């Protein structure tokens, strides 16, 4: 520490990494399971989009359905299953990822 006008201050340390979100890095290639959504059974509540830790599920307007429905971006999905666990009508099923 150094002194400046009788006040302590800490040295500024250089940033050695640039923290970002996972939406800047495709990370879904290593998942073992992926969510499969039955859009006919889905009620469009958006719970899956709210609980997704990676924000890779978005509610979008679909012309075939009268409500917004979830769409998963599999490039960023980690296959954690939070969406399937929290779906109130259980329209999301985790299926094995086939490479």
C-alpha atoms as a PDB file:
ATOM      1  CA  UNK A   1       0.000   0.000   0.000  1.00  0.00           C
ATOM      2  CA  UNK A   2       1.033   3.554  -0.545  1.00  0.00           C
ATOM      3  CA  UNK A   3       0.126   6.757   1.164  1.00  0.00           C
ATOM      4  CA  UNK A   4      -1.474   9.751  -0.497  1.00  0.00           C
ATOM      5  CA  UNK A   5      -2.566  12.699   1.601  1.00  0.00           C
ATOM      6  CA  UNK A   6      -2.739  10.526   4.724  1.00  0.00           C
ATOM      7  CA  UNK A   7      -5.275   8.167   3.069  1.00  0.00           C
ATOM      8  CA  UNK A   8      -4.622   4.567   2.234  1.00  0.00           C
ATOM      9  CA  UNK A   9      -5.273   3.324  -1.231  1.00  0.00           C
ATOM     10  CA  UNK A  10      -4.624   0.016  -2.849  1.00  0.00           C
ATOM     11  CA  UNK A  11      -2.604  -0.541  -5.939  1.00  0.00           C
ATOM     12  CA  UNK A  12      -4.517  -1.195  -9.102  1.00  0.00           C
ATOM     13  CA  UNK A  13      -3.821  -4.671 -10.320  1.00  0.00           C
ATOM     14  CA  UNK A  14      -3.863  -5.319 -14.056  1.00  0.00           C
ATOM     15  CA  UNK A  15      -6.752  -7.382 -15.323  1.00  0.00           C
ATOM     16  CA  UNK A  16      -5.360 -10.683 -16.521  1.00  0.00           C
ATOM     17  CA  UNK A  17      -8.605 -12.049 -17.900  1.00  0.00           C
ATOM     18  CA  UNK A  18     -11.635 -10.575 -19.541  1.00  0.00           C
ATOM     19  CA  UNK A  19     -14.733 -12.031 -17.865  1.00  0.00           C
ATOM     20  CA  UNK A  20     -17.598 -12.556 -20.280  1.00  0.00           C
ATOM     21  CA  UNK A  21     -20.876 -14.390 -20.438  1.00  0.00           C
ATOM     22  CA  UNK A  22     -21.258 -17.812 -21.962  1.00  0.00           C
ATOM     23  CA  UNK A  23     -23.269 -16.245 -24.769  1.00  0.00           C
ATOM     24  CA  UNK A  24     -19.935 -15.085 -26.168  1.00  0.00           C
ATOM     25  CA  UNK A  25     -18.524 -18.623 -26.156  1.00  0.00           C
ATOM     26  CA  UNK A  26     -20.307 -21.603 -27.624  1.00  0.00           C
ATOM     27  CA  UNK A  27     -20.243 -24.160 -24.853  1.00  0.00           C
ATOM     28  CA  UNK A  28     -22.956 -26.632 -25.736  1.00  0.00           C
ATOM     29  CA  UNK A  29     -20.717 -29.084 -27.577  1.00  0.00           C
ATOM     30  CA  UNK A  30     -19.862 -31.108 -24.461  1.00  0.00           C
ATOM     31  CA  UNK A  31     -23.376 -31.747 -23.135  1.00  0.00           C
ATOM     32  CA  UNK A  32     -24.613 -35.325 -22.754  1.00  0.00           C
ATOM     33  CA  UNK A  33     -28.366 -34.539 -22.825  1.00  0.00           C
ATOM     34  CA  UNK A  34     -30.497 -31.927 -24.533  1.00  0.00           C
ATOM     35  CA  UNK A  35     -34.045 -30.737 -23.900  1.00  0.00           C
ATOM     36  CA  UNK A  36     -36.763 -31.849 -26.295  1.00  0.00           C
ATOM     37  CA  UNK A  37     -39.875 -29.684 -26.004  1.00  0.00           C
ATOM     38  CA  UNK A  38     -43.362 -30.886 -26.923  1.00  0.00           C
ATOM     39  CA  UNK A  39     -44.762 -27.581 -28.227  1.00  0.00           C
ATOM     40  CA  UNK A  40     -48.306 -28.954 -28.453  1.00  0.00           C
ATOM     41  CA  UNK A  41     -48.288 -29.764 -24.737  1.00  0.00           C
ATOM     42  CA  UNK A  42     -46.466 -26.527 -23.759  1.00  0.00           C
ATOM     43  CA  UNK A  43     -48.709 -23.871 -22.140  1.00  0.00           C
ATOM     44  CA  UNK A  44     -46.281 -21.022 -22.885  1.00  0.00           C
ATOM     45  CA  UNK A  45     -45.696 -20.035 -19.244  1.00  0.00           C
ATOM     46  CA  UNK A  46     -42.001 -19.233 -19.803  1.00  0.00           C
ATOM     47  CA  UNK A  47     -40.789 -21.000 -16.663  1.00  0.00           C
ATOM     48  CA  UNK A  48     -38.129 -22.855 -18.649  1.00  0.00           C
ATOM     49  CA  UNK A  49     -36.702 -19.593 -19.978  1.00  0.00           C
ATOM     50  CA  UNK A  50     -36.663 -18.057 -16.492  1.00  0.00           C
ATOM     51  CA  UNK A  51     -34.836 -20.962 -14.813  1.00  0.00           C
ATOM     52  CA  UNK A  52     -32.268 -21.624 -17.548  1.00  0.00           C
ATOM     53  CA  UNK A  53     -28.894 -20.723 -15.973  1.00  0.00           C
ATOM     54  CA  UNK A  54     -27.379 -19.977 -19.391  1.00  0.00           C
ATOM     55  CA  UNK A  55     -30.332 -17.992 -20.793  1.00  0.00           C
ATOM     56  CA  UNK A  56     -30.325 -20.159 -23.890  1.00  0.00           C
ATOM     57  CA  UNK A  57     -34.098 -20.634 -23.912  1.00  0.00           C
ATOM     58  CA  UNK A  58     -36.068 -17.746 -25.378  1.00  0.00           C
ATOM     59  CA  UNK A  59     -39.830 -17.378 -25.644  1.00  0.00           C
ATOM     60  CA  UNK A  60     -40.710 -16.578 -29.239  1.00  0.00           C
ATOM     61  CA  UNK A  61     -43.938 -16.010 -31.123  1.00  0.00           C
ATOM     62  CA  UNK A  62     -44.922 -18.980 -33.233  1.00  0.00           C
ATOM     63  CA  UNK A  63     -47.625 -18.585 -35.856  1.00  0.00           C
ATOM     64  CA  UNK A  64     -48.802 -22.176 -35.463  1.00  0.00           C
ATOM     65  CA  UNK A  65     -49.506 -21.673 -31.748  1.00  0.00           C
ATOM     66  CA  UNK A  66     -51.540 -18.934 -30.082  1.00  0.00           C
ATOM     67  CA  UNK A  67     -48.947 -18.267 -27.332  1.00  0.00           C
ATOM     68  CA  UNK A  68     -45.222 -17.659 -27.218  1.00  0.00           C
ATOM     69  CA  UNK A  69     -43.302 -20.920 -27.093  1.00  0.00           C
ATOM     70  CA  UNK A  70     -39.742 -21.766 -25.978  1.00  0.00           C
ATOM     71  CA  UNK A  71     -36.867 -22.122 -28.424  1.00  0.00           C
ATOM     72  CA  UNK A  72     -33.548 -23.533 -27.227  1.00  0.00           C
ATOM     73  CA  UNK A  73     -30.193 -22.437 -28.613  1.00  0.00           C
ATOM     74  CA  UNK A  74     -28.317 -25.743 -28.466  1.00  0.00           C
ATOM     75  CA  UNK A  75     -24.958 -24.043 -29.112  1.00  0.00           C
ATOM     76  CA  UNK A  76     -25.092 -22.723 -25.544  1.00  0.00           C
ATOM     77  CA  UNK A  77     -27.278 -25.285 -23.754  1.00  0.00           C
ATOM     78  CA  UNK A  78     -25.330 -27.309 -21.193  1.00  0.00           C
ATOM     79  CA  UNK A  79     -27.991 -30.007 -20.837  1.00  0.00           C
ATOM     80  CA  UNK A  80     -28.420 -29.402 -17.105  1.00  0.00           C
ATOM     81  CA  UNK A  81     -32.134 -30.266 -17.127  1.00  0.00           C
ATOM     82  CA  UNK A  82     -33.305 -27.319 -15.010  1.00  0.00           C
ATOM     83  CA  UNK A  83     -35.921 -26.486 -17.649  1.00  0.00           C
ATOM     84  CA  UNK A  84     -37.336 -30.028 -17.621  1.00  0.00           C
ATOM     85  CA  UNK A  85     -37.381 -30.185 -13.834  1.00  0.00           C
ATOM     86  CA  UNK A  86     -39.293 -26.911 -13.455  1.00  0.00           C
ATOM     87  CA  UNK A  87     -41.795 -27.270 -16.315  1.00  0.00           C
ATOM     88  CA  UNK A  88     -45.261 -27.335 -14.685  1.00  0.00           C
ATOM     89  CA  UNK A  89     -46.792 -29.513 -17.426  1.00  0.00           C
ATOM     90  CA  UNK A  90     -43.681 -31.668 -17.971  1.00  0.00           C
ATOM     91  CA  UNK A  91     -43.533 -31.009 -21.706  1.00  0.00           C
ATOM     92  CA  UNK A  92     -39.713 -30.989 -21.696  1.00  0.00           C
ATOM     93  CA  UNK A  93     -37.880 -34.275 -21.813  1.00  0.00           C
ATOM     94  CA  UNK A  94     -34.108 -34.591 -21.594  1.00  0.00           C
ATOM     95  CA  UNK A  95     -32.873 -36.891 -24.339  1.00  0.00           C
ATOM     96  CA  UNK A  96     -29.327 -38.174 -24.940  1.00  0.00           C
ATOM     97  CA  UNK A  97     -27.179 -35.990 -27.163  1.00  0.00           C
ATOM     98  CA  UNK A  98     -26.106 -37.998 -30.191  1.00  0.00           C
ATOM     99  CA  UNK A  99     -22.919 -36.763 -31.843  1.00  0.00           C
END
